Amino acid sequence: MEPRSGCPTNAAVEVLGDRWSLLVLRDVIFGDRRYFRALLTGSAEGIASNILADRLVRLVEAGILTRGTAARGQRARYSLTEAGIQTLPIIYALGNWGLDWRPGSDELRSRQRFMRDEGPAFIEELMDELRERHLGAPPKPRHGPGPMERLASSGQPAM
C-alpha cells in the first residue's frame, strides 16, 4: 500500500482517515471485539457488513491488525499489531477534541472523560495491557487493577 505522496500526514490519513477505520480500532481496543460478528453487531454506529469486511482487510494489509487463521467452521480472530496499539494516542486525542468541540450523550462521553482525568500515564498503561492481550507481551508489574479493569469498574459503558 504505497501512499500518494511522501508526506507522513498523508500516509497516515490514507490508512486511518476514512469514516470507519478508527471506529473499528476503537471497538477492538475498548470493546475487545476481535471477531467479525462482534464488531458487526457491537458497532454503535451501525457499520454495514461489506464496509466492515473491507476495513478489516485494509487494516490487515496496512499492518495495523493481524487476522488469525481459522480452521474450517471457526472464526478468525483479529489482533492489534504494535502499529495498531500506537493508534491509541490518536484515538485518545480525537476523543478529547470531540469532548471539547462536539455534542454527544453524557453516557458515551464518560469513558473519554475518565481517560482524560487519568492522563497520559493511563494511556501508556493501557497500551502496555494491549500488548499483553494482543502481542503476548509479559505482564508489567501492577499495584492494583489494570487499566481496562479500572475503566470498566469506574462505570464507563462498554462500546
N, C-alpha and C. Protein backbone atom coordinates (compact mmCIF):
# COMPACT_ATOMS: atom_id res chain seq x y z
N MET A 1 0.85 -1.17 0.00
CA MET A 1 0.00 0.00 0.00
C MET A 1 0.89 1.23 0.00
N GLU A 2 1.13 1.76 -1.16
CA GLU A 2 2.01 2.91 -1.34
C GLU A 2 1.21 4.20 -1.24
N PRO A 3 1.62 5.14 -0.37
CA PRO A 3 0.88 6.41 -0.26
C PRO A 3 1.04 7.27 -1.51
N ARG A 4 0.10 8.20 -1.67
CA ARG A 4 0.12 9.09 -2.85
C ARG A 4 1.31 10.05 -2.81
N SER A 5 1.81 10.35 -1.62
CA SER A 5 2.96 11.24 -1.52
C SER A 5 3.83 10.78 -0.37
N GLY A 6 4.97 11.43 -0.21
CA GLY A 6 5.88 11.09 0.87
C GLY A 6 5.55 11.77 2.18
N CYS A 7 4.47 12.53 2.21
CA CYS A 7 4.08 13.25 3.42
C CYS A 7 3.58 12.27 4.49
N PRO A 8 4.15 12.29 5.71
CA PRO A 8 3.71 11.36 6.74
C PRO A 8 2.24 11.54 7.13
N THR A 9 1.74 12.78 7.11
CA THR A 9 0.33 13.01 7.44
C THR A 9 -0.55 12.36 6.39
N ASN A 10 -0.21 12.54 5.13
CA ASN A 10 -0.97 11.89 4.06
C ASN A 10 -0.93 10.38 4.21
N ALA A 11 0.23 9.82 4.48
CA ALA A 11 0.35 8.37 4.60
C ALA A 11 -0.53 7.83 5.72
N ALA A 12 -0.59 8.55 6.83
CA ALA A 12 -1.44 8.13 7.95
C ALA A 12 -2.92 8.26 7.61
N VAL A 13 -3.27 9.38 6.99
CA VAL A 13 -4.67 9.61 6.64
C VAL A 13 -5.15 8.58 5.62
N GLU A 14 -4.31 8.16 4.71
CA GLU A 14 -4.72 7.16 3.73
C GLU A 14 -5.10 5.85 4.39
N VAL A 15 -4.51 5.53 5.54
CA VAL A 15 -4.83 4.29 6.24
C VAL A 15 -5.95 4.51 7.26
N LEU A 16 -5.89 5.61 7.98
CA LEU A 16 -6.79 5.80 9.12
C LEU A 16 -7.89 6.83 8.91
N GLY A 17 -7.85 7.56 7.80
CA GLY A 17 -8.69 8.74 7.66
C GLY A 17 -10.07 8.53 7.10
N ASP A 18 -10.49 7.29 6.86
CA ASP A 18 -11.84 7.11 6.34
C ASP A 18 -12.85 7.12 7.50
N ARG A 19 -14.09 7.01 7.16
CA ARG A 19 -15.17 7.12 8.14
C ARG A 19 -15.19 6.00 9.17
N TRP A 20 -14.65 4.82 8.87
CA TRP A 20 -14.85 3.66 9.73
C TRP A 20 -13.60 3.09 10.40
N SER A 21 -12.42 3.26 9.85
CA SER A 21 -11.24 2.55 10.35
C SER A 21 -10.96 2.81 11.83
N LEU A 22 -10.98 4.07 12.25
CA LEU A 22 -10.71 4.37 13.66
C LEU A 22 -11.82 3.85 14.58
N LEU A 23 -13.04 3.77 14.07
CA LEU A 23 -14.13 3.22 14.89
C LEU A 23 -13.97 1.71 15.05
N VAL A 24 -13.52 1.03 14.01
CA VAL A 24 -13.23 -0.40 14.14
C VAL A 24 -12.12 -0.59 15.17
N LEU A 25 -11.06 0.21 15.07
CA LEU A 25 -9.97 0.10 16.04
C LEU A 25 -10.45 0.43 17.45
N ARG A 26 -11.31 1.43 17.59
CA ARG A 26 -11.88 1.77 18.90
C ARG A 26 -12.57 0.55 19.50
N ASP A 27 -13.36 -0.15 18.69
CA ASP A 27 -14.10 -1.30 19.19
C ASP A 27 -13.18 -2.48 19.53
N VAL A 28 -12.10 -2.64 18.78
CA VAL A 28 -11.12 -3.68 19.11
C VAL A 28 -10.42 -3.33 20.42
N ILE A 29 -10.03 -2.07 20.56
CA ILE A 29 -9.28 -1.63 21.74
C ILE A 29 -10.14 -1.62 22.99
N PHE A 30 -11.25 -0.92 22.96
CA PHE A 30 -12.04 -0.70 24.17
C PHE A 30 -13.10 -1.75 24.40
N GLY A 31 -13.60 -2.35 23.33
CA GLY A 31 -14.65 -3.35 23.49
C GLY A 31 -14.12 -4.76 23.43
N ASP A 32 -12.83 -4.92 23.18
CA ASP A 32 -12.19 -6.22 23.00
C ASP A 32 -12.96 -7.07 22.00
N ARG A 33 -13.49 -6.42 20.98
CA ARG A 33 -14.20 -7.13 19.91
C ARG A 33 -13.16 -7.54 18.89
N ARG A 34 -12.95 -8.83 18.78
CA ARG A 34 -11.87 -9.32 17.94
C ARG A 34 -12.33 -10.27 16.86
N TYR A 35 -13.64 -10.45 16.76
CA TYR A 35 -14.23 -11.30 15.74
C TYR A 35 -15.19 -10.48 14.90
N PHE A 36 -15.33 -10.87 13.64
CA PHE A 36 -16.17 -10.13 12.69
C PHE A 36 -17.57 -9.89 13.26
N ARG A 37 -18.22 -10.94 13.72
CA ARG A 37 -19.61 -10.83 14.21
C ARG A 37 -19.70 -9.85 15.37
N ALA A 38 -18.75 -9.91 16.29
CA ALA A 38 -18.76 -9.00 17.45
C ALA A 38 -18.57 -7.55 17.00
N LEU A 39 -17.71 -7.34 16.02
CA LEU A 39 -17.50 -5.99 15.50
C LEU A 39 -18.75 -5.49 14.76
N LEU A 40 -19.40 -6.38 14.03
CA LEU A 40 -20.58 -6.00 13.27
C LEU A 40 -21.76 -5.67 14.18
N THR A 41 -22.04 -6.53 15.13
CA THR A 41 -23.22 -6.33 15.98
C THR A 41 -22.95 -5.34 17.11
N GLY A 42 -21.70 -5.12 17.45
CA GLY A 42 -21.37 -4.22 18.55
C GLY A 42 -21.14 -2.78 18.16
N SER A 43 -21.20 -2.49 16.88
CA SER A 43 -20.95 -1.13 16.41
C SER A 43 -22.12 -0.22 16.75
N ALA A 44 -21.89 0.77 17.59
CA ALA A 44 -22.94 1.73 17.95
C ALA A 44 -23.37 2.53 16.73
N GLU A 45 -22.48 2.64 15.76
CA GLU A 45 -22.75 3.45 14.57
C GLU A 45 -23.41 2.65 13.45
N GLY A 46 -23.54 1.33 13.61
CA GLY A 46 -24.24 0.51 12.63
C GLY A 46 -23.48 0.29 11.34
N ILE A 47 -22.25 -0.16 11.42
CA ILE A 47 -21.45 -0.42 10.23
C ILE A 47 -22.06 -1.56 9.42
N ALA A 48 -22.08 -1.43 8.12
CA ALA A 48 -22.58 -2.48 7.23
C ALA A 48 -21.53 -3.58 7.11
N SER A 49 -21.98 -4.81 6.89
CA SER A 49 -21.06 -5.95 6.85
C SER A 49 -20.02 -5.82 5.73
N ASN A 50 -20.42 -5.31 4.56
CA ASN A 50 -19.45 -5.18 3.47
C ASN A 50 -18.40 -4.11 3.78
N ILE A 51 -18.81 -3.04 4.46
CA ILE A 51 -17.86 -1.99 4.85
C ILE A 51 -16.90 -2.53 5.91
N LEU A 52 -17.43 -3.25 6.89
CA LEU A 52 -16.57 -3.83 7.93
C LEU A 52 -15.56 -4.79 7.31
N ALA A 53 -16.02 -5.66 6.42
CA ALA A 53 -15.10 -6.61 5.78
C ALA A 53 -13.99 -5.87 5.04
N ASP A 54 -14.36 -4.81 4.32
CA ASP A 54 -13.37 -4.02 3.59
C ASP A 54 -12.38 -3.36 4.54
N ARG A 55 -12.86 -2.77 5.63
CA ARG A 55 -11.95 -2.09 6.57
C ARG A 55 -11.03 -3.08 7.26
N LEU A 56 -11.52 -4.25 7.59
CA LEU A 56 -10.66 -5.25 8.22
C LEU A 56 -9.54 -5.66 7.25
N VAL A 57 -9.87 -5.86 6.00
CA VAL A 57 -8.85 -6.21 5.00
C VAL A 57 -7.83 -5.08 4.91
N ARG A 58 -8.29 -3.84 4.81
CA ARG A 58 -7.38 -2.70 4.71
C ARG A 58 -6.47 -2.58 5.93
N LEU A 59 -7.03 -2.77 7.12
CA LEU A 59 -6.24 -2.65 8.35
C LEU A 59 -5.22 -3.77 8.46
N VAL A 60 -5.58 -4.96 7.99
CA VAL A 60 -4.61 -6.06 7.96
C VAL A 60 -3.51 -5.76 6.94
N GLU A 61 -3.90 -5.32 5.74
CA GLU A 61 -2.91 -5.00 4.71
C GLU A 61 -1.97 -3.88 5.14
N ALA A 62 -2.48 -2.95 5.94
CA ALA A 62 -1.65 -1.83 6.41
C ALA A 62 -0.78 -2.21 7.60
N GLY A 63 -0.95 -3.43 8.12
CA GLY A 63 -0.13 -3.87 9.25
C GLY A 63 -0.61 -3.35 10.59
N ILE A 64 -1.87 -2.96 10.69
CA ILE A 64 -2.42 -2.44 11.93
C ILE A 64 -3.12 -3.54 12.73
N LEU A 65 -3.69 -4.49 12.00
CA LEU A 65 -4.28 -5.68 12.61
C LEU A 65 -3.67 -6.92 11.97
N THR A 66 -3.74 -8.02 12.68
CA THR A 66 -3.44 -9.32 12.08
C THR A 66 -4.72 -10.13 12.14
N ARG A 67 -4.86 -11.04 11.20
CA ARG A 67 -6.02 -11.92 11.16
C ARG A 67 -5.51 -13.32 11.43
N GLY A 68 -5.98 -13.90 12.52
CA GLY A 68 -5.59 -15.26 12.85
C GLY A 68 -6.16 -16.24 11.84
N THR A 69 -5.48 -17.34 11.63
CA THR A 69 -6.00 -18.35 10.72
C THR A 69 -7.12 -19.09 11.42
N ALA A 70 -8.17 -19.34 10.68
CA ALA A 70 -9.33 -20.03 11.24
C ALA A 70 -9.47 -21.38 10.56
N ALA A 71 -9.61 -22.41 11.36
CA ALA A 71 -9.88 -23.74 10.81
C ALA A 71 -11.31 -23.75 10.29
N ARG A 72 -11.63 -24.71 9.47
CA ARG A 72 -12.97 -24.82 8.90
C ARG A 72 -14.02 -24.76 10.01
N GLY A 73 -14.98 -23.88 9.83
CA GLY A 73 -16.06 -23.76 10.80
C GLY A 73 -15.72 -22.87 11.99
N GLN A 74 -14.50 -22.37 12.06
CA GLN A 74 -14.12 -21.49 13.17
C GLN A 74 -14.01 -20.06 12.67
N ARG A 75 -14.08 -19.14 13.62
CA ARG A 75 -14.00 -17.73 13.28
C ARG A 75 -12.55 -17.25 13.41
N ALA A 76 -12.19 -16.33 12.52
CA ALA A 76 -10.85 -15.73 12.58
C ALA A 76 -10.86 -14.63 13.63
N ARG A 77 -9.81 -14.58 14.42
CA ARG A 77 -9.68 -13.55 15.45
C ARG A 77 -8.68 -12.51 14.99
N TYR A 78 -9.06 -11.25 15.17
CA TYR A 78 -8.20 -10.13 14.81
C TYR A 78 -7.45 -9.67 16.05
N SER A 79 -6.20 -9.30 15.84
CA SER A 79 -5.36 -8.78 16.92
C SER A 79 -4.67 -7.52 16.45
N LEU A 80 -4.41 -6.65 17.40
CA LEU A 80 -3.66 -5.44 17.11
C LEU A 80 -2.19 -5.78 16.93
N THR A 81 -1.53 -5.10 16.03
CA THR A 81 -0.08 -5.14 15.94
C THR A 81 0.44 -3.97 16.79
N GLU A 82 1.74 -3.82 16.86
CA GLU A 82 2.29 -2.65 17.57
C GLU A 82 1.82 -1.37 16.89
N ALA A 83 1.77 -1.37 15.55
CA ALA A 83 1.27 -0.19 14.85
C ALA A 83 -0.18 0.09 15.23
N GLY A 84 -0.98 -0.94 15.41
CA GLY A 84 -2.37 -0.76 15.85
C GLY A 84 -2.45 -0.22 17.26
N ILE A 85 -1.62 -0.73 18.14
CA ILE A 85 -1.59 -0.23 19.53
C ILE A 85 -1.19 1.24 19.55
N GLN A 86 -0.30 1.63 18.65
CA GLN A 86 0.15 3.01 18.58
C GLN A 86 -0.93 3.96 18.07
N THR A 87 -2.08 3.44 17.62
CA THR A 87 -3.19 4.32 17.25
C THR A 87 -3.95 4.81 18.48
N LEU A 88 -3.74 4.19 19.63
CA LEU A 88 -4.48 4.61 20.83
C LEU A 88 -4.29 6.09 21.15
N PRO A 89 -3.07 6.64 21.14
CA PRO A 89 -2.95 8.09 21.39
C PRO A 89 -3.70 8.95 20.37
N ILE A 90 -3.81 8.46 19.13
CA ILE A 90 -4.56 9.20 18.11
C ILE A 90 -6.05 9.18 18.47
N ILE A 91 -6.55 8.01 18.81
CA ILE A 91 -7.96 7.87 19.18
C ILE A 91 -8.24 8.70 20.43
N TYR A 92 -7.33 8.68 21.38
CA TYR A 92 -7.46 9.47 22.61
C TYR A 92 -7.51 10.97 22.28
N ALA A 93 -6.61 11.43 21.41
CA ALA A 93 -6.59 12.85 21.04
C ALA A 93 -7.87 13.24 20.31
N LEU A 94 -8.35 12.41 19.41
CA LEU A 94 -9.60 12.70 18.71
C LEU A 94 -10.78 12.74 19.69
N GLY A 95 -10.79 11.82 20.65
CA GLY A 95 -11.85 11.82 21.66
C GLY A 95 -11.83 13.08 22.51
N ASN A 96 -10.64 13.54 22.86
CA ASN A 96 -10.53 14.78 23.63
C ASN A 96 -11.05 15.97 22.82
N TRP A 97 -10.71 16.00 21.54
CA TRP A 97 -11.22 17.06 20.68
C TRP A 97 -12.75 16.99 20.62
N GLY A 98 -13.28 15.77 20.48
CA GLY A 98 -14.73 15.59 20.45
C GLY A 98 -15.41 16.04 21.74
N LEU A 99 -14.76 15.78 22.88
CA LEU A 99 -15.31 16.25 24.16
C LEU A 99 -15.42 17.76 24.18
N ASP A 100 -14.40 18.42 23.66
CA ASP A 100 -14.35 19.88 23.72
C ASP A 100 -15.22 20.57 22.67
N TRP A 101 -15.38 19.94 21.51
CA TRP A 101 -15.95 20.69 20.39
C TRP A 101 -17.19 20.08 19.76
N ARG A 102 -17.61 18.89 20.17
CA ARG A 102 -18.78 18.26 19.55
C ARG A 102 -19.77 17.83 20.63
N PRO A 103 -21.06 17.88 20.32
CA PRO A 103 -22.05 17.42 21.28
C PRO A 103 -22.09 15.89 21.33
N GLY A 104 -22.69 15.36 22.36
CA GLY A 104 -22.85 13.91 22.49
C GLY A 104 -23.53 13.58 23.80
N SER A 105 -23.87 12.31 23.97
CA SER A 105 -24.53 11.89 25.20
C SER A 105 -23.52 11.77 26.32
N ASP A 106 -23.95 12.13 27.52
CA ASP A 106 -23.07 12.04 28.69
C ASP A 106 -22.58 10.61 28.89
N GLU A 107 -23.46 9.64 28.67
CA GLU A 107 -23.09 8.25 28.89
C GLU A 107 -21.94 7.82 27.98
N LEU A 108 -22.02 8.17 26.71
CA LEU A 108 -20.98 7.76 25.77
C LEU A 108 -19.71 8.61 25.88
N ARG A 109 -19.81 9.76 26.49
CA ARG A 109 -18.64 10.63 26.67
C ARG A 109 -17.88 10.31 27.96
N SER A 110 -18.48 9.52 28.82
CA SER A 110 -17.88 9.29 30.15
C SER A 110 -16.55 8.55 30.08
N ARG A 111 -16.39 7.60 29.15
CA ARG A 111 -15.11 6.89 29.03
C ARG A 111 -13.99 7.86 28.69
N GLN A 112 -14.27 8.76 27.76
CA GLN A 112 -13.25 9.74 27.37
C GLN A 112 -12.91 10.66 28.53
N ARG A 113 -13.92 11.09 29.27
CA ARG A 113 -13.66 11.94 30.45
C ARG A 113 -12.79 11.21 31.47
N PHE A 114 -13.10 9.94 31.70
CA PHE A 114 -12.31 9.14 32.64
C PHE A 114 -10.85 9.09 32.19
N MET A 115 -10.63 8.80 30.91
CA MET A 115 -9.25 8.70 30.42
C MET A 115 -8.55 10.05 30.49
N ARG A 116 -9.26 11.12 30.19
CA ARG A 116 -8.66 12.45 30.27
C ARG A 116 -8.27 12.75 31.71
N ASP A 117 -9.16 12.42 32.64
CA ASP A 117 -8.86 12.66 34.06
C ASP A 117 -7.66 11.84 34.54
N GLU A 118 -7.53 10.63 34.01
CA GLU A 118 -6.41 9.76 34.40
C GLU A 118 -5.09 10.23 33.78
N GLY A 119 -5.16 10.83 32.60
CA GLY A 119 -3.98 11.43 31.99
C GLY A 119 -3.17 10.50 31.11
N PRO A 120 -2.07 11.04 30.55
CA PRO A 120 -1.23 10.30 29.61
C PRO A 120 -0.63 9.02 30.19
N ALA A 121 -0.35 8.99 31.48
CA ALA A 121 0.22 7.77 32.07
C ALA A 121 -0.76 6.61 31.94
N PHE A 122 -2.06 6.91 32.04
CA PHE A 122 -3.09 5.88 31.88
C PHE A 122 -3.06 5.32 30.46
N ILE A 123 -2.89 6.18 29.47
CA ILE A 123 -2.84 5.74 28.07
C ILE A 123 -1.64 4.82 27.86
N GLU A 124 -0.50 5.17 28.43
CA GLU A 124 0.69 4.31 28.32
C GLU A 124 0.44 2.95 28.98
N GLU A 125 -0.19 2.98 30.14
CA GLU A 125 -0.51 1.74 30.85
C GLU A 125 -1.48 0.88 30.04
N LEU A 126 -2.45 1.53 29.43
CA LEU A 126 -3.43 0.83 28.59
C LEU A 126 -2.74 0.21 27.37
N MET A 127 -1.79 0.93 26.79
CA MET A 127 -1.04 0.38 25.66
C MET A 127 -0.25 -0.85 26.09
N ASP A 128 0.32 -0.82 27.28
CA ASP A 128 1.04 -2.00 27.79
C ASP A 128 0.10 -3.18 27.94
N GLU A 129 -1.12 -2.93 28.44
CA GLU A 129 -2.09 -4.02 28.59
C GLU A 129 -2.52 -4.56 27.23
N LEU A 130 -2.67 -3.70 26.25
CA LEU A 130 -3.00 -4.15 24.90
C LEU A 130 -1.87 -5.02 24.33
N ARG A 131 -0.63 -4.67 24.63
CA ARG A 131 0.50 -5.50 24.18
C ARG A 131 0.42 -6.89 24.81
N GLU A 132 0.01 -6.96 26.07
CA GLU A 132 -0.15 -8.25 26.73
C GLU A 132 -1.25 -9.06 26.04
N ARG A 133 -2.39 -8.44 25.80
CA ARG A 133 -3.56 -9.13 25.25
C ARG A 133 -3.39 -9.51 23.78
N HIS A 134 -2.78 -8.65 23.00
CA HIS A 134 -2.73 -8.86 21.56
C HIS A 134 -1.40 -9.40 21.05
N LEU A 135 -0.32 -9.06 21.72
CA LEU A 135 1.01 -9.46 21.24
C LEU A 135 1.65 -10.53 22.12
N GLY A 136 1.00 -10.87 23.23
CA GLY A 136 1.57 -11.87 24.13
C GLY A 136 2.75 -11.37 24.94
N ALA A 137 2.86 -10.06 25.11
CA ALA A 137 3.95 -9.49 25.91
C ALA A 137 3.79 -9.90 27.36
N PRO A 138 4.89 -10.04 28.09
CA PRO A 138 4.77 -10.40 29.51
C PRO A 138 4.09 -9.26 30.28
N PRO A 139 3.30 -9.61 31.26
CA PRO A 139 2.60 -8.57 32.04
C PRO A 139 3.59 -7.69 32.80
N LYS A 140 3.29 -6.41 32.83
CA LYS A 140 4.07 -5.46 33.64
C LYS A 140 3.56 -5.55 35.07
N PRO A 141 4.46 -5.34 36.05
CA PRO A 141 4.00 -5.36 37.43
C PRO A 141 3.00 -4.23 37.68
N ARG A 142 1.93 -4.56 38.38
CA ARG A 142 0.89 -3.58 38.68
C ARG A 142 0.59 -3.62 40.16
N HIS A 143 0.22 -2.47 40.65
CA HIS A 143 -0.27 -2.37 42.01
C HIS A 143 -1.76 -2.07 41.90
N GLY A 144 -2.56 -3.09 42.03
CA GLY A 144 -4.00 -2.90 41.88
C GLY A 144 -4.47 -3.32 40.50
N PRO A 145 -5.71 -3.00 40.18
CA PRO A 145 -6.28 -3.43 38.90
C PRO A 145 -5.63 -2.75 37.71
N GLY A 146 -5.67 -3.43 36.56
CA GLY A 146 -5.13 -2.89 35.33
C GLY A 146 -6.03 -1.80 34.76
N PRO A 147 -5.57 -1.14 33.70
CA PRO A 147 -6.34 -0.02 33.15
C PRO A 147 -7.71 -0.42 32.59
N MET A 148 -7.81 -1.56 31.92
CA MET A 148 -9.12 -1.98 31.39
C MET A 148 -10.09 -2.26 32.53
N GLU A 149 -9.59 -2.87 33.58
CA GLU A 149 -10.44 -3.16 34.74
C GLU A 149 -10.86 -1.86 35.43
N ARG A 150 -9.95 -0.91 35.53
CA ARG A 150 -10.30 0.39 36.14
C ARG A 150 -11.31 1.13 35.29
N LEU A 151 -11.13 1.05 34.00
CA LEU A 151 -12.06 1.69 33.08
C LEU A 151 -13.46 1.07 33.24
N ALA A 152 -13.51 -0.25 33.30
CA ALA A 152 -14.80 -0.94 33.45
C ALA A 152 -15.42 -0.69 34.82
N SER A 153 -14.62 -0.73 35.87
CA SER A 153 -15.17 -0.58 37.22
C SER A 153 -15.52 0.87 37.57
N SER A 154 -15.09 1.79 36.74
CA SER A 154 -15.42 3.19 37.02
C SER A 154 -16.80 3.56 36.45
N GLY A 155 -17.49 2.57 35.92
CA GLY A 155 -18.84 2.81 35.42
C GLY A 155 -18.87 3.26 33.98
N GLN A 156 -17.76 3.11 33.27
CA GLN A 156 -17.72 3.53 31.86
C GLN A 156 -18.47 2.50 31.04
N PRO A 157 -19.36 2.93 30.15
CA PRO A 157 -20.09 1.97 29.34
C PRO A 157 -19.17 1.29 28.34
N ALA A 158 -19.41 0.01 28.12
CA ALA A 158 -18.67 -0.69 27.07
C ALA A 158 -19.18 -0.21 25.73
N MET A 159 -18.29 -0.14 24.78
CA MET A 159 -18.71 0.30 23.44
C MET A 159 -19.42 -0.84 22.76
